[in-house]
Amino acid sequence: MTSAQKTTRVVIKGKVQGVWFRNWTQETAKQLGLKGWVRNRKDGTVEAVFSGAENAVDAMVAKCHEGPVAAEVKTVSAETYPELPPRPGFHQMPTL
């Protein structure tokens, strides 16, 4: 039986740039078997899309509330991502 799949977009606010957040996100998502992407935004936030097994996506969103050691996460907003699931693998995207 295949587990339910989902795709979620998150925006992480706080001290999340210049603290290895994108690399941490990429490594953690790969460990959970997720596909998607992560990028810095010019407003100082980090944005990511996680796609895969529902329990793995939920675990990744929960981990984003802490982030890497040097991060100071203030808020994490999560919403269903209505677009097609991302291409295979987990990638860093250019700043938007």
PDB file of N, CA and C in Angstrom:
ATOM      1  N   MET A   1       0.843  -1.187   0.000  1.00  0.00           N
ATOM      2  CA  MET A   1       0.000   0.000   0.000  1.00  0.00           C
ATOM      3  C   MET A   1       0.881   1.241   0.000  1.00  0.00           C
ATOM      4  N   THR A   2       0.573   2.187  -0.858  1.00  0.00           N
ATOM      5  CA  THR A   2       1.335   3.425  -0.959  1.00  0.00           C
ATOM      6  C   THR A   2       0.767   4.458   0.005  1.00  0.00           C
ATOM      7  N   SER A   3       1.648   5.164   0.715  1.00  0.00           N
ATOM      8  CA  SER A   3       1.170   6.196   1.637  1.00  0.00           C
ATOM      9  C   SER A   3       0.697   7.410   0.847  1.00  0.00           C
ATOM     10  N   ALA A   4      -0.157   8.204   1.482  1.00  0.00           N
ATOM     11  CA  ALA A   4      -0.684   9.408   0.853  1.00  0.00           C
ATOM     12  C   ALA A   4       0.463  10.372   0.553  1.00  0.00           C
ATOM     13  N   GLN A   5       0.358  11.034  -0.579  1.00  0.00           N
ATOM     14  CA  GLN A   5       1.363  12.001  -1.011  1.00  0.00           C
ATOM     15  C   GLN A   5       0.806  13.407  -0.849  1.00  0.00           C
ATOM     16  N   LYS A   6       1.697  14.356  -0.597  1.00  0.00           N
ATOM     17  CA  LYS A   6       1.274  15.752  -0.527  1.00  0.00           C
ATOM     18  C   LYS A   6       2.432  16.662  -0.899  1.00  0.00           C
ATOM     19  N   THR A   7       2.084  17.888  -1.254  1.00  0.00           N
ATOM     20  CA  THR A   7       3.074  18.912  -1.571  1.00  0.00           C
ATOM     21  C   THR A   7       2.711  20.161  -0.791  1.00  0.00           C
ATOM     22  N   THR A   8       3.686  20.680  -0.039  1.00  0.00           N
ATOM     23  CA  THR A   8       3.459  21.824   0.843  1.00  0.00           C
ATOM     24  C   THR A   8       4.514  22.888   0.598  1.00  0.00           C
ATOM     25  N   ARG A   9       4.070  24.142   0.568  1.00  0.00           N
ATOM     26  CA  ARG A   9       4.982  25.294   0.465  1.00  0.00           C
ATOM     27  C   ARG A   9       5.093  25.913   1.847  1.00  0.00           C
ATOM     28  N   VAL A  10       6.325  26.229   2.260  1.00  0.00           N
ATOM     29  CA  VAL A  10       6.544  26.892   3.543  1.00  0.00           C
ATOM     30  C   VAL A  10       7.332  28.176   3.336  1.00  0.00           C
ATOM     31  N   VAL A  11       7.089  29.139   4.223  1.00  0.00           N
ATOM     32  CA  VAL A  11       7.883  30.361   4.300  1.00  0.00           C
ATOM     33  C   VAL A  11       8.334  30.484   5.744  1.00  0.00           C
ATOM     34  N   ILE A  12       9.654  30.561   5.924  1.00  0.00           N
ATOM     35  CA  ILE A  12      10.239  30.599   7.256  1.00  0.00           C
ATOM     36  C   ILE A  12      10.767  32.009   7.511  1.00  0.00           C
ATOM     37  N   LYS A  13      10.350  32.597   8.630  1.00  0.00           N
ATOM     38  CA  LYS A  13      10.776  33.947   8.989  1.00  0.00           C
ATOM     39  C   LYS A  13      11.633  33.908  10.235  1.00  0.00           C
ATOM     40  N   GLY A  14      12.517  34.891  10.363  1.00  0.00           N
ATOM     41  CA  GLY A  14      13.403  35.014  11.507  1.00  0.00           C
ATOM     42  C   GLY A  14      14.823  35.198  11.013  1.00  0.00           C
ATOM     43  N   LYS A  15      15.788  34.787  11.828  1.00  0.00           N
ATOM     44  CA  LYS A  15      17.197  34.818  11.402  1.00  0.00           C
ATOM     45  C   LYS A  15      17.448  33.494  10.674  1.00  0.00           C
ATOM     46  N   VAL A  16      17.132  33.509   9.365  1.00  0.00           N
ATOM     47  CA  VAL A  16      17.169  32.272   8.586  1.00  0.00           C
ATOM     48  C   VAL A  16      18.053  32.373   7.341  1.00  0.00           C
ATOM     49  N   GLN A  17      18.658  33.511   7.126  1.00  0.00           N
ATOM     50  CA  GLN A  17      19.609  33.645   6.028  1.00  0.00           C
ATOM     51  C   GLN A  17      20.993  33.864   6.611  1.00  0.00           C
ATOM     52  N   GLY A  18      21.998  33.281   5.954  1.00  0.00           N
ATOM     53  CA  GLY A  18      23.364  33.394   6.430  1.00  0.00           C
ATOM     54  C   GLY A  18      23.653  32.466   7.601  1.00  0.00           C
ATOM     55  N   VAL A  19      22.776  31.467   7.818  1.00  0.00           N
ATOM     56  CA  VAL A  19      22.950  30.533   8.938  1.00  0.00           C
ATOM     57  C   VAL A  19      22.901  29.073   8.472  1.00  0.00           C
ATOM     58  N   TRP A  20      23.120  28.856   7.173  1.00  0.00           N
ATOM     59  CA  TRP A  20      23.178  27.519   6.594  1.00  0.00           C
ATOM     60  C   TRP A  20      21.797  26.888   6.474  1.00  0.00           C
ATOM     61  N   PHE A  21      20.724  27.686   6.462  1.00  0.00           N
ATOM     62  CA  PHE A  21      19.361  27.142   6.440  1.00  0.00           C
ATOM     63  C   PHE A  21      19.068  26.400   5.146  1.00  0.00           C
ATOM     64  N   ARG A  22      19.460  26.944   4.002  1.00  0.00           N
ATOM     65  CA  ARG A  22      19.169  26.260   2.735  1.00  0.00           C
ATOM     66  C   ARG A  22      19.878  24.917   2.644  1.00  0.00           C
ATOM     67  N   ASN A  23      21.153  24.875   3.003  1.00  0.00           N
ATOM     68  CA  ASN A  23      21.881  23.599   2.949  1.00  0.00           C
ATOM     69  C   ASN A  23      21.289  22.587   3.927  1.00  0.00           C
ATOM     70  N   TRP A  24      20.961  23.041   5.128  1.00  0.00           N
ATOM     71  CA  TRP A  24      20.337  22.167   6.118  1.00  0.00           C
ATOM     72  C   TRP A  24      19.009  21.623   5.589  1.00  0.00           C
ATOM     73  N   THR A  25      18.215  22.488   4.980  1.00  0.00           N
ATOM     74  CA  THR A  25      16.923  22.081   4.426  1.00  0.00           C
ATOM     75  C   THR A  25      17.122  21.028   3.342  1.00  0.00           C
ATOM     76  N   GLN A  26      18.067  21.278   2.452  1.00  0.00           N
ATOM     77  CA  GLN A  26      18.320  20.338   1.370  1.00  0.00           C
ATOM     78  C   GLN A  26      18.755  18.972   1.919  1.00  0.00           C
ATOM     79  N   GLU A  27      19.677  18.954   2.843  1.00  0.00           N
ATOM     80  CA  GLU A  27      20.158  17.696   3.428  1.00  0.00           C
ATOM     81  C   GLU A  27      19.042  16.960   4.174  1.00  0.00           C
ATOM     82  N   THR A  28      18.273  17.690   4.975  1.00  0.00           N
ATOM     83  CA  THR A  28      17.213  17.077   5.768  1.00  0.00           C
ATOM     84  C   THR A  28      16.107  16.528   4.869  1.00  0.00           C
ATOM     85  N   ALA A  29      15.723  17.278   3.852  1.00  0.00           N
ATOM     86  CA  ALA A  29      14.683  16.824   2.923  1.00  0.00           C
ATOM     87  C   ALA A  29      15.128  15.564   2.185  1.00  0.00           C
ATOM     88  N   LYS A  30      16.377  15.533   1.765  1.00  0.00           N
ATOM     89  CA  LYS A  30      16.890  14.340   1.085  1.00  0.00           C
ATOM     90  C   LYS A  30      16.864  13.134   2.013  1.00  0.00           C
ATOM     91  N   GLN A  31      17.223  13.325   3.287  1.00  0.00           N
ATOM     92  CA  GLN A  31      17.193  12.228   4.259  1.00  0.00           C
ATOM     93  C   GLN A  31      15.782  11.674   4.436  1.00  0.00           C
ATOM     94  N   LEU A  32      14.779  12.542   4.296  1.00  0.00           N
ATOM     95  CA  LEU A  32      13.380  12.131   4.436  1.00  0.00           C
ATOM     96  C   LEU A  32      12.784  11.622   3.123  1.00  0.00           C
ATOM     97  N   GLY A  33      13.580  11.621   2.053  1.00  0.00           N
ATOM     98  CA  GLY A  33      13.114  11.124   0.759  1.00  0.00           C
ATOM     99  C   GLY A  33      12.180  12.069   0.028  1.00  0.00           C
ATOM    100  N   LEU A  34      12.285  13.364   0.326  1.00  0.00           N
ATOM    101  CA  LEU A  34      11.411  14.350  -0.305  1.00  0.00           C
ATOM    102  C   LEU A  34      12.015  14.911  -1.578  1.00  0.00           C
ATOM    103  N   LYS A  35      11.149  15.388  -2.446  1.00  0.00           N
ATOM    104  CA  LYS A  35      11.609  16.177  -3.585  1.00  0.00           C
ATOM    105  C   LYS A  35      11.089  17.589  -3.387  1.00  0.00           C
ATOM    106  N   GLY A  36      11.700  18.533  -4.108  1.00  0.00           N
ATOM    107  CA  GLY A  36      11.276  19.924  -3.980  1.00  0.00           C
ATOM    108  C   GLY A  36      12.433  20.874  -4.130  1.00  0.00           C
ATOM    109  N   TRP A  37      12.291  22.038  -3.507  1.00  0.00           N
ATOM    110  CA  TRP A  37      13.321  23.071  -3.627  1.00  0.00           C
ATOM    111  C   TRP A  37      13.273  24.015  -2.433  1.00  0.00           C
ATOM    112  N   VAL A  38      14.362  24.786  -2.297  1.00  0.00           N
ATOM    113  CA  VAL A  38      14.474  25.800  -1.247  1.00  0.00           C
ATOM    114  C   VAL A  38      15.199  27.003  -1.824  1.00  0.00           C
ATOM    115  N   ARG A  39      14.840  28.197  -1.368  1.00  0.00           N
ATOM    116  CA  ARG A  39      15.534  29.414  -1.817  1.00  0.00           C
ATOM    117  C   ARG A  39      15.395  30.516  -0.782  1.00  0.00           C
ATOM    118  N   ASN A  40      16.368  31.421  -0.800  1.00  0.00           N
ATOM    119  CA  ASN A  40      16.265  32.668  -0.045  1.00  0.00           C
ATOM    120  C   ASN A  40      15.349  33.604  -0.815  1.00  0.00           C
ATOM    121  N   ARG A  41      14.681  34.473  -0.078  1.00  0.00           N
ATOM    122  CA  ARG A  41      13.887  35.524  -0.700  1.00  0.00           C
ATOM    123  C   ARG A  41      14.489  36.862  -0.296  1.00  0.00           C
ATOM    124  N   LYS A  42      14.330  37.838  -1.153  1.00  0.00           N
ATOM    125  CA  LYS A  42      14.926  39.151  -0.908  1.00  0.00           C
ATOM    126  C   LYS A  42      14.376  39.819   0.350  1.00  0.00           C
ATOM    127  N   ASP A  43      13.208  39.370   0.823  1.00  0.00           N
ATOM    128  CA  ASP A  43      12.637  39.967   2.046  1.00  0.00           C
ATOM    129  C   ASP A  43      13.231  39.369   3.323  1.00  0.00           C
ATOM    130  N   GLY A  44      14.234  38.488   3.182  1.00  0.00           N
ATOM    131  CA  GLY A  44      14.903  37.914   4.343  1.00  0.00           C
ATOM    132  C   GLY A  44      14.345  36.577   4.798  1.00  0.00           C
ATOM    133  N   THR A  45      13.304  36.086   4.145  1.00  0.00           N
ATOM    134  CA  THR A  45      12.731  34.788   4.497  1.00  0.00           C
ATOM    135  C   THR A  45      13.376  33.686   3.671  1.00  0.00           C
ATOM    136  N   VAL A  46      13.068  32.453   4.041  1.00  0.00           N
ATOM    137  CA  VAL A  46      13.426  31.285   3.252  1.00  0.00           C
ATOM    138  C   VAL A  46      12.116  30.633   2.832  1.00  0.00           C
ATOM    139  N   GLU A  47      12.025  30.258   1.558  1.00  0.00           N
ATOM    140  CA  GLU A  47      10.843  29.611   1.008  1.00  0.00           C
ATOM    141  C   GLU A  47      11.243  28.216   0.535  1.00  0.00           C
ATOM    142  N   ALA A  48      10.371  27.250   0.761  1.00  0.00           N
ATOM    143  CA  ALA A  48      10.655  25.889   0.311  1.00  0.00           C
ATOM    144  C   ALA A  48       9.364  25.186  -0.082  1.00  0.00           C
ATOM    145  N   VAL A  49       9.506  24.200  -0.961  1.00  0.00           N
ATOM    146  CA  VAL A  49       8.403  23.319  -1.335  1.00  0.00           C
ATOM    147  C   VAL A  49       8.868  21.890  -1.069  1.00  0.00           C
ATOM    148  N   PHE A  50       8.062  21.152  -0.311  1.00  0.00           N
ATOM    149  CA  PHE A  50       8.351  19.764   0.030  1.00  0.00           C
ATOM    150  C   PHE A  50       7.268  18.883  -0.568  1.00  0.00           C
ATOM    151  N   SER A  51       7.673  17.813  -1.250  1.00  0.00           N
ATOM    152  CA  SER A  51       6.715  16.909  -1.863  1.00  0.00           C
ATOM    153  C   SER A  51       7.131  15.471  -1.604  1.00  0.00           C
ATOM    154  N   GLY A  52       6.160  14.654  -1.201  1.00  0.00           N
ATOM    155  CA  GLY A  52       6.435  13.247  -0.942  1.00  0.00           C
ATOM    156  C   GLY A  52       5.390  12.653  -0.032  1.00  0.00           C
ATOM    157  N   ALA A  53       5.784  11.610   0.693  1.00  0.00           N
ATOM    158  CA  ALA A  53       4.868  10.956   1.618  1.00  0.00           C
ATOM    159  C   ALA A  53       4.382  11.958   2.662  1.00  0.00           C
ATOM    160  N   GLU A  54       3.105  11.893   2.944  1.00  0.00           N
ATOM    161  CA  GLU A  54       2.485  12.861   3.863  1.00  0.00           C
ATOM    162  C   GLU A  54       3.222  12.945   5.195  1.00  0.00           C
ATOM    163  N   ASN A  55       3.584  11.808   5.785  1.00  0.00           N
ATOM    164  CA  ASN A  55       4.257  11.831   7.084  1.00  0.00           C
ATOM    165  C   ASN A  55       5.649  12.451   6.987  1.00  0.00           C
ATOM    166  N   ALA A  56       6.341  12.262   5.868  1.00  0.00           N
ATOM    167  CA  ALA A  56       7.675  12.858   5.688  1.00  0.00           C
ATOM    168  C   ALA A  56       7.568  14.367   5.486  1.00  0.00           C
ATOM    169  N   VAL A  57       6.584  14.821   4.729  1.00  0.00           N
ATOM    170  CA  VAL A  57       6.375  16.263   4.535  1.00  0.00           C
ATOM    171  C   VAL A  57       6.043  16.908   5.876  1.00  0.00           C
ATOM    172  N   ASP A  58       5.149  16.299   6.642  1.00  0.00           N
ATOM    173  CA  ASP A  58       4.781  16.847   7.947  1.00  0.00           C
ATOM    174  C   ASP A  58       5.993  16.914   8.878  1.00  0.00           C
ATOM    175  N   ALA A  59       6.841  15.878   8.841  1.00  0.00           N
ATOM    176  CA  ALA A  59       8.053  15.869   9.671  1.00  0.00           C
ATOM    177  C   ALA A  59       8.995  16.995   9.266  1.00  0.00           C
ATOM    178  N   MET A  60       9.135  17.232   7.964  1.00  0.00           N
ATOM    179  CA  MET A  60      10.035  18.287   7.486  1.00  0.00           C
ATOM    180  C   MET A  60       9.517  19.658   7.900  1.00  0.00           C
ATOM    181  N   VAL A  61       8.227  19.881   7.780  1.00  0.00           N
ATOM    182  CA  VAL A  61       7.644  21.166   8.199  1.00  0.00           C
ATOM    183  C   VAL A  61       7.895  21.368   9.697  1.00  0.00           C
ATOM    184  N   ALA A  62       7.728  20.332  10.486  1.00  0.00           N
ATOM    185  CA  ALA A  62       7.981  20.436  11.928  1.00  0.00           C
ATOM    186  C   ALA A  62       9.442  20.775  12.199  1.00  0.00           C
ATOM    187  N   LYS A  63      10.369  20.167  11.465  1.00  0.00           N
ATOM    188  CA  LYS A  63      11.800  20.436  11.644  1.00  0.00           C
ATOM    189  C   LYS A  63      12.148  21.886  11.283  1.00  0.00           C
ATOM    190  N   CYS A  64      11.403  22.475  10.362  1.00  0.00           N
ATOM    191  CA  CYS A  64      11.667  23.866   9.961  1.00  0.00           C
ATOM    192  C   CYS A  64      11.420  24.850  11.099  1.00  0.00           C
ATOM    193  N   HIS A  65      10.632  24.464  12.085  1.00  0.00           N
ATOM    194  CA  HIS A  65      10.390  25.341  13.236  1.00  0.00           C
ATOM    195  C   HIS A  65      11.652  25.525  14.080  1.00  0.00           C
ATOM    196  N   GLU A  66      12.600  24.619  13.944  1.00  0.00           N
ATOM    197  CA  GLU A  66      13.885  24.709  14.645  1.00  0.00           C
ATOM    198  C   GLU A  66      14.996  25.126  13.683  1.00  0.00           C
ATOM    199  N   GLY A  67      15.122  24.414  12.576  1.00  0.00           N
ATOM    200  CA  GLY A  67      16.168  24.716  11.600  1.00  0.00           C
ATOM    201  C   GLY A  67      17.540  24.338  12.114  1.00  0.00           C
ATOM    202  N   PRO A  68      18.585  24.808  11.435  1.00  0.00           N
ATOM    203  CA  PRO A  68      19.951  24.515  11.878  1.00  0.00           C
ATOM    204  C   PRO A  68      20.274  25.272  13.171  1.00  0.00           C
ATOM    205  N   VAL A  69      21.361  24.893  13.794  1.00  0.00           N
ATOM    206  CA  VAL A  69      21.731  25.427  15.116  1.00  0.00           C
ATOM    207  C   VAL A  69      21.764  26.950  15.169  1.00  0.00           C
ATOM    208  N   ALA A  70      22.318  27.606  14.156  1.00  0.00           N
ATOM    209  CA  ALA A  70      22.482  29.063  14.194  1.00  0.00           C
ATOM    210  C   ALA A  70      21.207  29.839  13.840  1.00  0.00           C
ATOM    211  N   ALA A  71      20.177  29.164  13.403  1.00  0.00           N
ATOM    212  CA  ALA A  71      18.937  29.848  13.011  1.00  0.00           C
ATOM    213  C   ALA A  71      18.133  30.272  14.237  1.00  0.00           C
ATOM    214  N   GLU A  72      17.359  31.331  14.050  1.00  0.00           N
ATOM    215  CA  GLU A  72      16.396  31.783  15.058  1.00  0.00           C
ATOM    216  C   GLU A  72      15.051  31.934  14.355  1.00  0.00           C
ATOM    217  N   VAL A  73      14.322  30.845  14.280  1.00  0.00           N
ATOM    218  CA  VAL A  73      13.053  30.822  13.551  1.00  0.00           C
ATOM    219  C   VAL A  73      11.977  31.515  14.375  1.00  0.00           C
ATOM    220  N   LYS A  74      11.291  32.470  13.753  1.00  0.00           N
ATOM    221  CA  LYS A  74      10.185  33.181  14.410  1.00  0.00           C
ATOM    222  C   LYS A  74       8.858  32.537  14.043  1.00  0.00           C
ATOM    223  N   THR A  75       8.622  32.335  12.744  1.00  0.00           N
ATOM    224  CA  THR A  75       7.374  31.724  12.284  1.00  0.00           C
ATOM    225  C   THR A  75       7.637  30.846  11.069  1.00  0.00           C
ATOM    226  N   VAL A  76       6.780  29.850  10.921  1.00  0.00           N
ATOM    227  CA  VAL A  76       6.762  29.004   9.736  1.00  0.00           C
ATOM    228  C   VAL A  76       5.318  28.955   9.263  1.00  0.00           C
ATOM    229  N   SER A  77       5.072  29.452   8.075  1.00  0.00           N
ATOM    230  CA  SER A  77       3.727  29.337   7.506  1.00  0.00           C
ATOM    231  C   SER A  77       3.761  28.235   6.460  1.00  0.00           C
ATOM    232  N   ALA A  78       2.733  27.406   6.460  1.00  0.00           N
ATOM    233  CA  ALA A  78       2.663  26.272   5.536  1.00  0.00           C
ATOM    234  C   ALA A  78       1.305  26.266   4.846  1.00  0.00           C
ATOM    235  N   GLU A  79       1.325  25.940   3.563  1.00  0.00           N
ATOM    236  CA  GLU A  79       0.083  25.856   2.794  1.00  0.00           C
ATOM    237  C   GLU A  79       0.233  24.781   1.722  1.00  0.00           C
ATOM    238  N   THR A  80      -0.886  24.245   1.296  1.00  0.00           N
ATOM    239  CA  THR A  80      -0.868  23.282   0.207  1.00  0.00           C
ATOM    240  C   THR A  80      -0.335  23.972  -1.040  1.00  0.00           C
ATOM    241  N   TYR A  81       0.534  23.295  -1.738  1.00  0.00           N
ATOM    242  CA  TYR A  81       1.130  23.847  -2.963  1.00  0.00           C
ATOM    243  C   TYR A  81       0.313  23.337  -4.141  1.00  0.00           C
ATOM    244  N   PRO A  82      -0.429  24.216  -4.818  1.00  0.00           N
ATOM    245  CA  PRO A  82      -1.380  23.778  -5.838  1.00  0.00           C
ATOM    246  C   PRO A  82      -0.765  23.406  -7.192  1.00  0.00           C
ATOM    247  N   GLU A  83       0.501  23.721  -7.389  1.00  0.00           N
ATOM    248  CA  GLU A  83       1.119  23.427  -8.675  1.00  0.00           C
ATOM    249  C   GLU A  83       1.532  21.957  -8.740  1.00  0.00           C
ATOM    250  N   LEU A  84       1.993  21.535  -9.911  1.00  0.00           N
ATOM    251  CA  LEU A  84       2.457  20.166 -10.060  1.00  0.00           C
ATOM    252  C   LEU A  84       3.613  19.893  -9.112  1.00  0.00           C
ATOM    253  N   PRO A  85       3.754  18.656  -8.639  1.00  0.00           N
ATOM    254  CA  PRO A  85       4.895  18.340  -7.773  1.00  0.00           C
ATOM    255  C   PRO A  85       6.212  18.658  -8.471  1.00  0.00           C
ATOM    256  N   PRO A  86       7.220  19.040  -7.695  1.00  0.00           N
ATOM    257  CA  PRO A  86       8.519  19.392  -8.272  1.00  0.00           C
ATOM    258  C   PRO A  86       9.187  18.198  -8.949  1.00  0.00           C
ATOM    259  N   ARG A  87      10.182  18.502  -9.760  1.00  0.00           N
ATOM    260  CA  ARG A  87      10.963  17.453 -10.426  1.00  0.00           C
ATOM    261  C   ARG A  87      11.676  16.605  -9.374  1.00  0.00           C
ATOM    262  N   PRO A  88      12.145  15.427  -9.741  1.00  0.00           N
ATOM    263  CA  PRO A  88      12.834  14.561  -8.775  1.00  0.00           C
ATOM    264  C   PRO A  88      14.052  15.249  -8.143  1.00  0.00           C
ATOM    265  N   GLY A  89      14.347  14.853  -6.924  1.00  0.00           N
ATOM    266  CA  GLY A  89      15.487  15.418  -6.205  1.00  0.00           C
ATOM    267  C   GLY A  89      15.073  16.631  -5.396  1.00  0.00           C
ATOM    268  N   PHE A  90      16.022  17.151  -4.627  1.00  0.00           N
ATOM    269  CA  PHE A  90      15.767  18.351  -3.844  1.00  0.00           C
ATOM    270  C   PHE A  90      16.854  19.362  -4.190  1.00  0.00           C
ATOM    271  N   HIS A  91      16.445  20.571  -4.574  1.00  0.00           N
ATOM    272  CA  HIS A  91      17.360  21.540  -5.177  1.00  0.00           C
ATOM    273  C   HIS A  91      17.312  22.882  -4.481  1.00  0.00           C
ATOM    274  N   GLN A  92      18.425  23.611  -4.567  1.00  0.00           N
ATOM    275  CA  GLN A  92      18.442  25.010  -4.169  1.00  0.00           C
ATOM    276  C   GLN A  92      18.139  25.841  -5.409  1.00  0.00           C
ATOM    277  N   MET A  93      17.245  26.791  -5.251  1.00  0.00           N
ATOM    278  CA  MET A  93      16.836  27.675  -6.347  1.00  0.00           C
ATOM    279  C   MET A  93      17.448  29.059  -6.119  1.00  0.00           C
ATOM    280  N   PRO A  94      17.556  29.851  -7.191  1.00  0.00           N
ATOM    281  CA  PRO A  94      18.082  31.215  -7.029  1.00  0.00           C
ATOM    282  C   PRO A  94      17.162  32.062  -6.157  1.00  0.00           C
ATOM    283  N   THR A  95      17.752  33.061  -5.512  1.00  0.00           N
ATOM    284  CA  THR A  95      16.994  34.002  -4.685  1.00  0.00           C
ATOM    285  C   THR A  95      15.940  34.690  -5.520  1.00  0.00           C
ATOM    286  N   LEU A  96      14.781  34.885  -4.918  1.00  0.00           N
ATOM    287  CA  LEU A  96      13.660  35.535  -5.620  1.00  0.00           C
ATOM    288  C   LEU A  96      13.346  36.841  -4.910  1.00  0.00           C
TER     289      LEU A  96
END
